[in-house]
C-alpha atoms as a PDB file:
ATOM      1  CA  UNK A   1     -41.596   2.374  25.529  1.00  0.00           C
ATOM      2  CA  UNK A   2     -41.910   2.702  21.772  1.00  0.00           C
ATOM      3  CA  UNK A   3     -39.229   4.787  20.128  1.00  0.00           C
ATOM      4  CA  UNK A   4     -41.031   7.944  18.996  1.00  0.00           C
ATOM      5  CA  UNK A   5     -38.982   7.929  15.810  1.00  0.00           C
ATOM      6  CA  UNK A   6     -41.022   4.891  14.830  1.00  0.00           C
ATOM      7  CA  UNK A   7     -44.395   6.599  15.201  1.00  0.00           C
ATOM      8  CA  UNK A   8     -46.270   5.966  11.972  1.00  0.00           C
ATOM      9  CA  UNK A   9     -49.816   6.893  13.002  1.00  0.00           C
ATOM     10  CA  UNK A  10     -50.749   9.791  15.306  1.00  0.00           C
ATOM     11  CA  UNK A  11     -54.147  11.069  16.436  1.00  0.00           C
ATOM     12  CA  UNK A  12     -55.163  14.440  17.922  1.00  0.00           C
ATOM     13  CA  UNK A  13     -58.487  14.727  19.755  1.00  0.00           C
ATOM     14  CA  UNK A  14     -60.114  18.140  20.196  1.00  0.00           C
ATOM     15  CA  UNK A  15     -63.907  17.912  20.113  1.00  0.00           C
ATOM     16  CA  UNK A  16     -64.647  21.298  21.723  1.00  0.00           C
ATOM     17  CA  UNK A  17     -65.465  24.601  20.043  1.00  0.00           C
ATOM     18  CA  UNK A  18     -64.177  26.451  16.978  1.00  0.00           C
ATOM     19  CA  UNK A  19     -61.560  28.461  18.843  1.00  0.00           C
ATOM     20  CA  UNK A  20     -60.273  25.373  20.645  1.00  0.00           C
ATOM     21  CA  UNK A  21     -59.642  23.592  17.339  1.00  0.00           C
ATOM     22  CA  UNK A  22     -57.833  26.606  15.869  1.00  0.00           C
ATOM     23  CA  UNK A  23     -55.628  26.762  18.963  1.00  0.00           C
ATOM     24  CA  UNK A  24     -54.791  23.054  18.575  1.00  0.00           C
ATOM     25  CA  UNK A  25     -53.539  23.515  15.002  1.00  0.00           C
ATOM     26  CA  UNK A  26     -49.980  24.437  16.057  1.00  0.00           C
ATOM     27  CA  UNK A  27     -49.798  21.034  17.784  1.00  0.00           C
ATOM     28  CA  UNK A  28     -50.753  19.403  14.490  1.00  0.00           C
ATOM     29  CA  UNK A  29     -48.257  21.529  12.573  1.00  0.00           C
ATOM     30  CA  UNK A  30     -45.346  20.765  14.896  1.00  0.00           C
ATOM     31  CA  UNK A  31     -46.112  17.047  14.812  1.00  0.00           C
ATOM     32  CA  UNK A  32     -46.037  17.177  11.018  1.00  0.00           C
ATOM     33  CA  UNK A  33     -42.658  18.914  11.038  1.00  0.00           C
ATOM     34  CA  UNK A  34     -41.245  16.235  13.315  1.00  0.00           C
ATOM     35  CA  UNK A  35     -42.980  13.301  11.627  1.00  0.00           C
ATOM     36  CA  UNK A  36     -43.160  14.232   7.923  1.00  0.00           C
ATOM     37  CA  UNK A  37     -44.034  10.719   6.727  1.00  0.00           C
ATOM     38  CA  UNK A  38     -46.459   9.763   9.518  1.00  0.00           C
ATOM     39  CA  UNK A  39     -50.231   9.542   9.121  1.00  0.00           C
ATOM     40  CA  UNK A  40     -51.645  12.265  11.373  1.00  0.00           C
ATOM     41  CA  UNK A  41     -55.416  12.380  11.910  1.00  0.00           C
ATOM     42  CA  UNK A  42     -57.626  14.803  13.842  1.00  0.00           C
ATOM     43  CA  UNK A  43     -60.869  13.996  15.687  1.00  0.00           C
ATOM     44  CA  UNK A  44     -63.376  16.846  16.015  1.00  0.00           C
ATOM     45  CA  UNK A  45     -67.087  17.639  15.861  1.00  0.00           C
ATOM     46  CA  UNK A  46     -69.113  18.361  12.675  1.00  0.00           C
ATOM     47  CA  UNK A  47     -69.272  22.118  13.248  1.00  0.00           C
ATOM     48  CA  UNK A  48     -65.483  22.489  13.311  1.00  0.00           C
ATOM     49  CA  UNK A  49     -64.538  19.957  10.625  1.00  0.00           C
ATOM     50  CA  UNK A  50     -64.265  22.591   7.898  1.00  0.00           C
ATOM     51  CA  UNK A  51     -61.317  24.192   9.704  1.00  0.00           C
ATOM     52  CA  UNK A  52     -59.123  21.259   8.639  1.00  0.00           C
ATOM     53  CA  UNK A  53     -60.222  21.405   4.991  1.00  0.00           C
ATOM     54  CA  UNK A  54     -57.172  21.880   2.723  1.00  0.00           C
ATOM     55  CA  UNK A  55     -54.779  21.763   5.696  1.00  0.00           C
ATOM     56  CA  UNK A  56     -51.597  20.119   4.368  1.00  0.00           C
ATOM     57  CA  UNK A  57     -50.532  18.740   7.748  1.00  0.00           C
ATOM     58  CA  UNK A  58     -53.534  16.477   8.380  1.00  0.00           C
ATOM     59  CA  UNK A  59     -54.184  13.178   6.620  1.00  0.00           C
ATOM     60  CA  UNK A  60     -57.720  12.446   7.715  1.00  0.00           C
ATOM     61  CA  UNK A  61     -60.459  13.994   9.820  1.00  0.00           C
ATOM     62  CA  UNK A  62     -62.594  11.853  12.131  1.00  0.00           C
ATOM     63  CA  UNK A  63     -65.940  13.494  12.795  1.00  0.00           C
ATOM     64  CA  UNK A  64     -67.391  12.660  16.213  1.00  0.00           C
ATOM     65  CA  UNK A  65     -70.972  13.923  16.311  1.00  0.00           C
ATOM     66  CA  UNK A  66     -71.122  13.562  20.090  1.00  0.00           C
ATOM     67  CA  UNK A  67     -74.312  15.594  20.500  1.00  0.00           C
ATOM     68  CA  UNK A  68     -76.029  14.154  17.435  1.00  0.00           C
ATOM     69  CA  UNK A  69     -75.903  10.750  15.812  1.00  0.00           C
ATOM     70  CA  UNK A  70     -72.916   9.667  17.950  1.00  0.00           C
ATOM     71  CA  UNK A  71     -74.504  10.698  21.230  1.00  0.00           C
ATOM     72  CA  UNK A  72     -74.272   8.436  24.275  1.00  0.00           C
ATOM     73  CA  UNK A  73     -72.681   5.041  24.846  1.00  0.00           C
ATOM     74  CA  UNK A  74     -73.281   3.739  21.324  1.00  0.00           C
ATOM     75  CA  UNK A  75     -71.486   6.739  19.869  1.00  0.00           C
ATOM     76  CA  UNK A  76     -68.464   6.096  22.078  1.00  0.00           C
ATOM     77  CA  UNK A  77     -68.437   2.424  21.042  1.00  0.00           C
ATOM     78  CA  UNK A  78     -68.609   3.472  17.385  1.00  0.00           C
ATOM     79  CA  UNK A  79     -65.598   5.781  17.815  1.00  0.00           C
ATOM     80  CA  UNK A  80     -63.656   3.127  19.733  1.00  0.00           C
ATOM     81  CA  UNK A  81     -64.126   0.656  16.873  1.00  0.00           C
ATOM     82  CA  UNK A  82     -63.126   3.214  14.260  1.00  0.00           C
ATOM     83  CA  UNK A  83     -60.036   4.352  16.158  1.00  0.00           C
ATOM     84  CA  UNK A  84     -58.904   0.824  17.025  1.00  0.00           C
ATOM     85  CA  UNK A  85     -58.979  -0.130  13.331  1.00  0.00           C
ATOM     86  CA  UNK A  86     -56.453   2.574  12.512  1.00  0.00           C
ATOM     87  CA  UNK A  87     -53.706   1.286  14.832  1.00  0.00           C
ATOM     88  CA  UNK A  88     -52.464   4.631  16.104  1.00  0.00           C
ATOM     89  CA  UNK A  89     -49.104   4.673  17.880  1.00  0.00           C
ATOM     90  CA  UNK A  90     -49.849   7.806  19.911  1.00  0.00           C
ATOM     91  CA  UNK A  91     -52.702  10.188  20.692  1.00  0.00           C
ATOM     92  CA  UNK A  92     -52.480  13.768  21.926  1.00  0.00           C
ATOM     93  CA  UNK A  93     -55.566  15.008  23.768  1.00  0.00           C
ATOM     94  CA  UNK A  94     -55.870  18.774  24.408  1.00  0.00           C
ATOM     95  CA  UNK A  95     -59.574  18.273  25.161  1.00  0.00           C
ATOM     96  CA  UNK A  96     -60.246  17.506  28.823  1.00  0.00           C
ATOM     97  CA  UNK A  97     -63.617  15.735  28.598  1.00  0.00           C
ATOM     98  CA  UNK A  98     -64.068  12.121  29.732  1.00  0.00           C
ATOM     99  CA  UNK A  99     -65.009  10.881  26.229  1.00  0.00           C
ATOM    100  CA  UNK A 100     -61.677  12.103  24.887  1.00  0.00           C
ATOM    101  CA  UNK A 101     -59.888   9.935  27.444  1.00  0.00           C
ATOM    102  CA  UNK A 102     -62.083   6.841  27.217  1.00  0.00           C
ATOM    103  CA  UNK A 103     -62.051   6.398  23.434  1.00  0.00           C
ATOM    104  CA  UNK A 104     -58.264   6.101  22.902  1.00  0.00           C
ATOM    105  CA  UNK A 105     -57.922   3.959  26.047  1.00  0.00           C
ATOM    106  CA  UNK A 106     -60.533   1.450  24.918  1.00  0.00           C
ATOM    107  CA  UNK A 107     -59.141   1.590  21.385  1.00  0.00           C
ATOM    108  CA  UNK A 108     -55.800   0.369  22.726  1.00  0.00           C
ATOM    109  CA  UNK A 109     -53.578   3.276  21.695  1.00  0.00           C
ATOM    110  CA  UNK A 110     -50.325   2.617  23.563  1.00  0.00           C
ATOM    111  CA  UNK A 111     -49.246   6.220  24.115  1.00  0.00           C
ATOM    112  CA  UNK A 112     -51.985   8.542  25.403  1.00  0.00           C
ATOM    113  CA  UNK A 113     -51.031  12.112  26.369  1.00  0.00           C
ATOM    114  CA  UNK A 114     -53.251  14.628  28.165  1.00  0.00           C
ATOM    115  CA  UNK A 115     -53.429  17.220  30.941  1.00  0.00           C
ATOM    116  CA  UNK A 116     -53.537  16.722  34.685  1.00  0.00           C
ATOM    117  CA  UNK A 117     -56.822  18.662  34.816  1.00  0.00           C
ATOM    118  CA  UNK A 118     -58.455  16.230  32.421  1.00  0.00           C
ATOM    119  CA  UNK A 119     -61.357  14.090  33.510  1.00  0.00           C
ATOM    120  CA  UNK A 120     -60.242  10.442  33.659  1.00  0.00           C
ATOM    121  CA  UNK A 121     -56.556  11.457  33.479  1.00  0.00           C
ATOM    122  CA  UNK A 122     -55.720   8.070  35.024  1.00  0.00           C
ATOM    123  CA  UNK A 123     -56.343   6.590  31.577  1.00  0.00           C
ATOM    124  CA  UNK A 124     -53.353   8.471  30.137  1.00  0.00           C
ATOM    125  CA  UNK A 125     -49.845   7.070  29.885  1.00  0.00           C
ATOM    126  CA  UNK A 126     -48.348  10.569  30.046  1.00  0.00           C
ATOM    127  CA  UNK A 127     -49.923  13.314  32.161  1.00  0.00           C
ATOM    128  CA  UNK A 128     -48.752  16.900  31.563  1.00  0.00           C
ATOM    129  CA  UNK A 129     -49.280  19.788  33.975  1.00  0.00           C
ATOM    130  CA  UNK A 130     -51.942  22.273  32.834  1.00  0.00           C
ATOM    131  CA  UNK A 131     -49.983  25.534  33.035  1.00  0.00           C
ATOM    132  CA  UNK A 132     -51.253  29.124  33.098  1.00  0.00           C
ATOM    133  CA  UNK A 133     -49.805  30.008  29.704  1.00  0.00           C
ATOM    134  CA  UNK A 134     -51.339  30.658  26.301  1.00  0.00           C
ATOM    135  CA  UNK A 135     -53.483  27.766  25.050  1.00  0.00           C
ATOM    136  CA  UNK A 136     -51.243  27.268  22.007  1.00  0.00           C
ATOM    137  CA  UNK A 137     -48.206  26.881  24.248  1.00  0.00           C
ATOM    138  CA  UNK A 138     -50.222  24.717  26.634  1.00  0.00           C
ATOM    139  CA  UNK A 139     -51.183  22.351  23.835  1.00  0.00           C
ATOM    140  CA  UNK A 140     -47.594  22.202  22.612  1.00  0.00           C
ATOM    141  CA  UNK A 141     -46.467  21.293  26.135  1.00  0.00           C
ATOM    142  CA  UNK A 142     -48.066  17.884  25.496  1.00  0.00           C
ATOM    143  CA  UNK A 143     -44.945  17.187  23.413  1.00  0.00           C
ATOM    144  CA  UNK A 144     -42.535  17.785  26.297  1.00  0.00           C
ATOM    145  CA  UNK A 145     -42.427  14.192  27.614  1.00  0.00           C
ATOM    146  CA  UNK A 146     -40.873  13.167  24.296  1.00  0.00           C
ATOM    147  CA  UNK A 147     -38.413  16.015  23.812  1.00  0.00           C
ATOM    148  CA  UNK A 148     -40.092  17.117  20.582  1.00  0.00           C
ATOM    149  CA  UNK A 149     -38.860  20.583  19.631  1.00  0.00           C
ATOM    150  CA  UNK A 150     -40.957  23.511  18.442  1.00  0.00           C
ATOM    151  CA  UNK A 151     -40.674  27.253  17.876  1.00  0.00           C
ATOM    152  CA  UNK A 152     -41.216  29.628  20.760  1.00  0.00           C
ATOM    153  CA  UNK A 153     -44.226  31.088  18.959  1.00  0.00           C
ATOM    154  CA  UNK A 154     -46.009  28.713  16.599  1.00  0.00           C
ATOM    155  CA  UNK A 155     -49.060  30.306  14.954  1.00  0.00           C
ATOM    156  CA  UNK A 156     -52.036  28.334  13.605  1.00  0.00           C
ATOM    157  CA  UNK A 157     -52.678  28.169   9.876  1.00  0.00           C
ATOM    158  CA  UNK A 158     -55.958  27.936   7.963  1.00  0.00           C
ATOM    159  CA  UNK A 159     -56.240  27.362   4.224  1.00  0.00           C
ATOM    160  CA  UNK A 160     -59.204  28.886   2.385  1.00  0.00           C
ATOM    161  CA  UNK A 161     -59.379  27.537  -1.170  1.00  0.00           C
ATOM    162  CA  UNK A 162     -59.739  29.376  -4.456  1.00  0.00           C
ATOM    163  CA  UNK A 163     -63.479  28.844  -4.099  1.00  0.00           C
ATOM    164  CA  UNK A 164     -63.554  30.727  -0.783  1.00  0.00           C
ATOM    165  CA  UNK A 165     -61.374  33.477  -2.236  1.00  0.00           C
ATOM    166  CA  UNK A 166     -63.631  33.889  -5.266  1.00  0.00           C
ATOM    167  CA  UNK A 167     -66.730  33.864  -3.074  1.00  0.00           C
ATOM    168  CA  UNK A 168     -65.434  36.710  -0.908  1.00  0.00           C
ATOM    169  CA  UNK A 169     -64.340  38.617  -4.024  1.00  0.00           C
ATOM    170  CA  UNK A 170     -67.986  38.963  -4.997  1.00  0.00           C
ATOM    171  CA  UNK A 171     -68.651  41.073  -1.919  1.00  0.00           C
ATOM    172  CA  UNK A 172     -65.529  43.068  -1.170  1.00  0.00           C
ATOM    173  CA  UNK A 173     -63.371  43.294  -4.287  1.00  0.00           C
ATOM    174  CA  UNK A 174     -63.667  47.077  -4.217  1.00  0.00           C
ATOM    175  CA  UNK A 175     -62.974  47.637  -0.515  1.00  0.00           C
ATOM    176  CA  UNK A 176     -59.970  45.414   0.272  1.00  0.00           C
ATOM    177  CA  UNK A 177     -57.802  48.320   1.357  1.00  0.00           C
ATOM    178  CA  UNK A 178     -60.303  49.807   3.808  1.00  0.00           C
ATOM    179  CA  UNK A 179     -62.185  46.850   5.297  1.00  0.00           C
ATOM    180  CA  UNK A 180     -62.493  46.326   9.058  1.00  0.00           C
ATOM    181  CA  UNK A 181     -64.284  43.339  10.566  1.00  0.00           C
ATOM    182  CA  UNK A 182     -66.175  43.442  13.853  1.00  0.00           C
ATOM    183  CA  UNK A 183     -67.404  40.371  15.761  1.00  0.00           C
ATOM    184  CA  UNK A 184     -69.822  41.578  18.482  1.00  0.00           C
ATOM    185  CA  UNK A 185     -71.252  38.191  19.457  1.00  0.00           C
ATOM    186  CA  UNK A 186     -70.503  35.450  21.976  1.00  0.00           C
ATOM    187  CA  UNK A 187     -72.332  32.457  23.388  1.00  0.00           C
ATOM    188  CA  UNK A 188     -71.973  34.105  26.815  1.00  0.00           C
ATOM    189  CA  UNK A 189     -73.709  37.412  27.557  1.00  0.00           C
ATOM    190  CA  UNK A 190     -70.970  38.586  29.936  1.00  0.00           C
ATOM    191  CA  UNK A 191     -68.382  38.305  27.143  1.00  0.00           C
ATOM    192  CA  UNK A 192     -70.287  40.712  24.886  1.00  0.00           C
ATOM    193  CA  UNK A 193     -69.409  44.397  24.871  1.00  0.00           C
ATOM    194  CA  UNK A 194     -72.489  46.652  24.711  1.00  0.00           C
ATOM    195  CA  UNK A 195     -74.151  46.724  21.285  1.00  0.00           C
ATOM    196  CA  UNK A 196     -74.625  50.492  21.568  1.00  0.00           C
ATOM    197  CA  UNK A 197     -70.860  50.911  21.968  1.00  0.00           C
ATOM    198  CA  UNK A 198     -70.183  48.677  18.981  1.00  0.00           C
ATOM    199  CA  UNK A 199     -72.541  50.885  16.969  1.00  0.00           C
ATOM    200  CA  UNK A 200     -70.696  54.012  18.126  1.00  0.00           C
ATOM    201  CA  UNK A 201     -67.389  52.420  17.147  1.00  0.00           C
ATOM    202  CA  UNK A 202     -68.709  51.482  13.705  1.00  0.00           C
ATOM    203  CA  UNK A 203     -69.902  55.082  13.157  1.00  0.00           C
ATOM    204  CA  UNK A 204     -66.446  56.426  13.994  1.00  0.00           C
ATOM    205  CA  UNK A 205     -64.775  53.964  11.623  1.00  0.00           C
ATOM    206  CA  UNK A 206     -67.166  54.815   8.791  1.00  0.00           C
ATOM    207  CA  UNK A 207     -66.484  58.525   9.367  1.00  0.00           C
ATOM    208  CA  UNK A 208     -62.792  57.669   8.965  1.00  0.00           C
ATOM    209  CA  UNK A 209     -63.549  56.178   5.542  1.00  0.00           C
ATOM    210  CA  UNK A 210     -63.577  52.485   6.414  1.00  0.00           C
ATOM    211  CA  UNK A 211     -66.070  49.828   5.381  1.00  0.00           C
ATOM    212  CA  UNK A 212     -67.233  47.585   8.233  1.00  0.00           C
ATOM    213  CA  UNK A 213     -68.204  43.911   8.005  1.00  0.00           C
ATOM    214  CA  UNK A 214     -70.063  42.443  10.978  1.00  0.00           C
ATOM    215  CA  UNK A 215     -69.093  38.767  11.349  1.00  0.00           C
ATOM    216  CA  UNK A 216     -70.194  35.793  13.425  1.00  0.00           C
ATOM    217  CA  UNK A 217     -72.481  32.783  13.349  1.00  0.00           C
ATOM    218  CA  UNK A 218     -76.151  32.602  12.500  1.00  0.00           C
ATOM    219  CA  UNK A 219     -76.895  33.067  16.206  1.00  0.00           C
ATOM    220  CA  UNK A 220     -75.305  36.534  15.994  1.00  0.00           C
ATOM    221  CA  UNK A 221     -77.374  37.725  13.033  1.00  0.00           C
ATOM    222  CA  UNK A 222     -80.084  39.566  14.997  1.00  0.00           C
ATOM    223  CA  UNK A 223     -77.541  41.278  17.247  1.00  0.00           C
ATOM    224  CA  UNK A 224     -75.618  42.501  14.225  1.00  0.00           C
ATOM    225  CA  UNK A 225     -78.822  43.630  12.512  1.00  0.00           C
ATOM    226  CA  UNK A 226     -79.596  45.762  15.571  1.00  0.00           C
ATOM    227  CA  UNK A 227     -76.129  47.298  15.407  1.00  0.00           C
ATOM    228  CA  UNK A 228     -76.419  47.855  11.664  1.00  0.00           C
ATOM    229  CA  UNK A 229     -79.812  49.541  12.058  1.00  0.00           C
ATOM    230  CA  UNK A 230     -78.385  51.943  14.638  1.00  0.00           C
ATOM    231  CA  UNK A 231     -76.021  53.257  11.972  1.00  0.00           C
ATOM    232  CA  UNK A 232     -78.020  53.403   8.735  1.00  0.00           C
ATOM    233  CA  UNK A 233     -74.991  53.454   6.459  1.00  0.00           C
ATOM    234  CA  UNK A 234     -74.357  51.699   3.168  1.00  0.00           C
ATOM    235  CA  UNK A 235     -70.809  51.021   4.364  1.00  0.00           C
ATOM    236  CA  UNK A 236     -71.707  48.434   7.008  1.00  0.00           C
ATOM    237  CA  UNK A 237     -72.564  44.836   6.087  1.00  0.00           C
ATOM    238  CA  UNK A 238     -73.935  41.981   8.177  1.00  0.00           C
ATOM    239  CA  UNK A 239     -72.258  38.693   7.201  1.00  0.00           C
ATOM    240  CA  UNK A 240     -73.393  36.736  10.271  1.00  0.00           C
ATOM    241  CA  UNK A 241     -74.574  33.257   9.349  1.00  0.00           C
ATOM    242  CA  UNK A 242     -73.901  33.896   5.658  1.00  0.00           C
ATOM    243  CA  UNK A 243     -70.342  32.564   5.446  1.00  0.00           C
ATOM    244  CA  UNK A 244     -68.714  29.221   6.101  1.00  0.00           C
ATOM    245  CA  UNK A 245     -65.768  29.067   8.503  1.00  0.00           C
ATOM    246  CA  UNK A 246     -63.185  29.244   5.731  1.00  0.00           C
ATOM    247  CA  UNK A 247     -65.106  31.983   3.931  1.00  0.00           C
ATOM    248  CA  UNK A 248     -65.055  33.918   7.191  1.00  0.00           C
ATOM    249  CA  UNK A 249     -61.324  33.231   7.463  1.00  0.00           C
ATOM    250  CA  UNK A 250     -60.799  34.605   3.954  1.00  0.00           C
ATOM    251  CA  UNK A 251     -62.861  37.692   4.779  1.00  0.00           C
ATOM    252  CA  UNK A 252     -60.715  38.248   7.869  1.00  0.00           C
ATOM    253  CA  UNK A 253     -57.555  37.805   5.801  1.00  0.00           C
ATOM    254  CA  UNK A 254     -58.698  40.667   3.560  1.00  0.00           C
ATOM    255  CA  UNK A 255     -59.383  42.944   6.540  1.00  0.00           C
ATOM    256  CA  UNK A 256     -57.102  45.548   8.038  1.00  0.00           C
ATOM    257  CA  UNK A 257     -58.011  44.260  11.499  1.00  0.00           C
ATOM    258  CA  UNK A 258     -60.703  42.608  13.579  1.00  0.00           C
ATOM    259  CA  UNK A 259     -62.438  44.003  16.658  1.00  0.00           C
ATOM    260  CA  UNK A 260     -63.823  41.123  18.691  1.00  0.00           C
ATOM    261  CA  UNK A 261     -65.014  39.973  22.071  1.00  0.00           C
ATOM    262  CA  UNK A 262     -63.257  37.011  23.670  1.00  0.00           C
ATOM    263  CA  UNK A 263     -64.576  34.546  21.069  1.00  0.00           C
ATOM    264  CA  UNK A 264     -63.575  32.314  18.154  1.00  0.00           C
ATOM    265  CA  UNK A 265     -63.217  35.012  15.422  1.00  0.00           C
ATOM    266  CA  UNK A 266     -60.147  36.464  17.113  1.00  0.00           C
ATOM    267  CA  UNK A 267     -58.356  33.083  16.893  1.00  0.00           C
ATOM    268  CA  UNK A 268     -59.353  32.683  13.239  1.00  0.00           C
ATOM    269  CA  UNK A 269     -57.986  36.181  12.594  1.00  0.00           C
ATOM    270  CA  UNK A 270     -54.663  35.206  14.172  1.00  0.00           C
ATOM    271  CA  UNK A 271     -54.539  32.161  11.895  1.00  0.00           C
ATOM    272  CA  UNK A 272     -54.997  34.498   8.922  1.00  0.00           C
ATOM    273  CA  UNK A 273     -52.373  36.962  10.285  1.00  0.00           C
ATOM    274  CA  UNK A 274     -54.932  39.740  10.714  1.00  0.00           C
ATOM    275  CA  UNK A 275     -54.364  41.991  13.756  1.00  0.00           C
ATOM    276  CA  UNK A 276     -56.962  41.866  16.526  1.00  0.00           C
ATOM    277  CA  UNK A 277     -58.318  44.347  19.048  1.00  0.00           C
ATOM    278  CA  UNK A 278     -59.902  42.058  21.648  1.00  0.00           C
ATOM    279  CA  UNK A 279     -62.385  43.233  24.277  1.00  0.00           C
ATOM    280  CA  UNK A 280     -62.326  41.216  27.507  1.00  0.00           C
ATOM    281  CA  UNK A 281     -65.118  41.480  30.067  1.00  0.00           C
ATOM    282  CA  UNK A 282     -65.910  38.695  32.517  1.00  0.00           C
ATOM    283  CA  UNK A 283     -62.980  36.579  31.338  1.00  0.00           C
ATOM    284  CA  UNK A 284     -59.308  37.502  31.535  1.00  0.00           C
ATOM    285  CA  UNK A 285     -56.336  37.000  29.176  1.00  0.00           C
ATOM    286  CA  UNK A 286     -54.507  35.046  31.897  1.00  0.00           C
ATOM    287  CA  UNK A 287     -56.729  32.047  31.129  1.00  0.00           C
ATOM    288  CA  UNK A 288     -54.609  31.702  27.989  1.00  0.00           C
ATOM    289  CA  UNK A 289     -57.140  32.427  25.253  1.00  0.00           C
ATOM    290  CA  UNK A 290     -56.038  35.910  24.232  1.00  0.00           C
ATOM    291  CA  UNK A 291     -55.148  36.779  20.597  1.00  0.00           C
ATOM    292  CA  UNK A 292     -51.638  35.563  19.859  1.00  0.00           C
ATOM    293  CA  UNK A 293     -50.452  37.899  17.090  1.00  0.00           C
ATOM    294  CA  UNK A 294     -47.617  40.372  17.511  1.00  0.00           C
ATOM    295  CA  UNK A 295     -49.669  43.510  16.838  1.00  0.00           C
ATOM    296  CA  UNK A 296     -52.806  42.431  18.724  1.00  0.00           C
ATOM    297  CA  UNK A 297     -54.174  44.586  21.525  1.00  0.00           C
ATOM    298  CA  UNK A 298     -56.428  43.793  24.486  1.00  0.00           C
ATOM    299  CA  UNK A 299     -58.927  46.261  25.948  1.00  0.00           C
ATOM    300  CA  UNK A 300     -60.218  45.527  29.461  1.00  0.00           C
ATOM    301  CA  UNK A 301     -61.012  47.030  32.843  1.00  0.00           C
ATOM    302  CA  UNK A 302     -58.039  46.537  35.148  1.00  0.00           C
ATOM    303  CA  UNK A 303     -58.303  45.625  38.836  1.00  0.00           C
ATOM    304  CA  UNK A 304     -62.048  45.067  38.974  1.00  0.00           C
ATOM    305  CA  UNK A 305     -62.789  43.054  42.139  1.00  0.00           C
ATOM    306  CA  UNK A 306     -65.207  40.613  40.464  1.00  0.00           C
ATOM    307  CA  UNK A 307     -63.095  39.692  37.430  1.00  0.00           C
ATOM    308  CA  UNK A 308     -63.005  36.948  36.358  1.00  0.00           C
ATOM    309  CA  UNK A 309     -66.391  35.509  37.249  1.00  0.00           C
ATOM    310  CA  UNK A 310     -65.897  32.348  35.192  1.00  0.00           C
ATOM    311  CA  UNK A 311     -63.598  30.798  32.607  1.00  0.00           C
ATOM    312  CA  UNK A 312     -66.352  30.668  29.979  1.00  0.00           C
ATOM    313  CA  UNK A 313     -68.335  33.755  30.955  1.00  0.00           C
ATOM    314  CA  UNK A 314     -71.938  33.724  32.215  1.00  0.00           C
ATOM    315  CA  UNK A 315     -75.483  34.258  30.990  1.00  0.00           C
ATOM    316  CA  UNK A 316     -75.719  37.386  33.139  1.00  0.00           C
ATOM    317  CA  UNK A 317     -73.559  39.407  35.514  1.00  0.00           C
ATOM    318  CA  UNK A 318     -73.634  37.713  38.944  1.00  0.00           C
ATOM    319  CA  UNK A 319     -73.046  41.093  40.618  1.00  0.00           C
ATOM    320  CA  UNK A 320     -75.808  42.800  38.668  1.00  0.00           C
ATOM    321  CA  UNK A 321     -73.732  45.794  37.523  1.00  0.00           C
ATOM    322  CA  UNK A 322     -71.795  44.436  34.486  1.00  0.00           C
ATOM    323  CA  UNK A 323     -68.982  46.905  35.145  1.00  0.00           C
ATOM    324  CA  UNK A 324     -66.441  44.744  33.316  1.00  0.00           C
ATOM    325  CA  UNK A 325     -68.016  45.852  30.032  1.00  0.00           C
ATOM    326  CA  UNK A 326     -69.888  49.025  30.930  1.00  0.00           C
ATOM    327  CA  UNK A 327     -66.668  50.706  32.074  1.00  0.00           C
ATOM    328  CA  UNK A 328     -65.062  50.157  28.661  1.00  0.00           C
ATOM    329  CA  UNK A 329     -65.838  53.350  26.772  1.00  0.00           C
ATOM    330  CA  UNK A 330     -66.064  53.542  22.996  1.00  0.00           C
ATOM    331  CA  UNK A 331     -63.134  55.937  22.824  1.00  0.00           C
ATOM    332  CA  UNK A 332     -60.858  53.394  24.524  1.00  0.00           C
ATOM    333  CA  UNK A 333     -61.556  50.736  21.894  1.00  0.00           C
ATOM    334  CA  UNK A 334     -61.390  53.294  19.073  1.00  0.00           C
ATOM    335  CA  UNK A 335     -58.005  54.430  20.347  1.00  0.00           C
ATOM    336  CA  UNK A 336     -56.731  50.837  20.337  1.00  0.00           C
ATOM    337  CA  UNK A 337     -57.978  50.395  16.769  1.00  0.00           C
ATOM    338  CA  UNK A 338     -56.204  53.562  15.606  1.00  0.00           C
ATOM    339  CA  UNK A 339     -53.021  52.433  17.356  1.00  0.00           C
ATOM    340  CA  UNK A 340     -53.044  49.099  15.516  1.00  0.00           C
ATOM    341  CA  UNK A 341     -53.734  50.776  12.154  1.00  0.00           C
ATOM    342  CA  UNK A 342     -50.846  53.191  12.708  1.00  0.00           C
ATOM    343  CA  UNK A 343     -48.517  50.288  13.529  1.00  0.00           C
ATOM    344  CA  UNK A 344     -49.335  48.760  10.139  1.00  0.00           C
ATOM    345  CA  UNK A 345     -48.417  51.855   8.158  1.00  0.00           C
END
């Protein structure tokens, strides 16, 4: 087997969602620390590519538009050709989809490392057990077969530029010391706390003198408009769909804390060292996707017979009662927020 000290070119493949890429950044960062002169590239999808902008530990980003222009067999062949031309010595594959296994295999990368729950794991040269630990630690466990060392708690880093900082300054330069972000959206309905409760929480925070920024993607805009309209205050702003990923990261960096469902904003907040109050409904922290910061708090209903009902959540409650979210009262989340704020003082 090749001596890992001779690795000159390394690839990471994570072509899933925003949060998944953020949680793979510690793997990139540890590889850079151990291989300071190596060329380390990262394969991801167009929507997440901006997350690697300005990151000092990555050399190049390979964009795999697997649901667009690179869809299907021809897209895989295109990626195989591109990857094979770069002569990588090793590839680390946190993503568990079959495409992520096929491409490096056909490209002839000699060392291919992935999880035992991966589709087509037989194409890997090193198969690592998928443990029930935090996703950051799980991704770092891909280094274990090679004895590569890392810190017990390696946090992801994102790097908004001066442009992103100036852009956010236009909106919040006067409220930096009293800004709280709230991310009420999620792709999955069962991961969303009730909009009426979010509105109640926002009212309480505004009464306490805070300014609230509602954050998320363009798909969350209407939800946040509904919440905003329930409040009718000049101290709540809807930024959904109006900011890029790094602009959102910069906004979160300026915030006292973030209140979020189990979704990507909480991982971006961790990368910006902003405390998180995370609300978990149909999913559970034990899956390994909870906020990873020291001061972060999780609000959830304990010992509910139907939790979890799926690792990704669902379009609707399969039991019909949605108790996992309905039983979380506004006061419980508000109390967690106050507790985090007090810990920062």
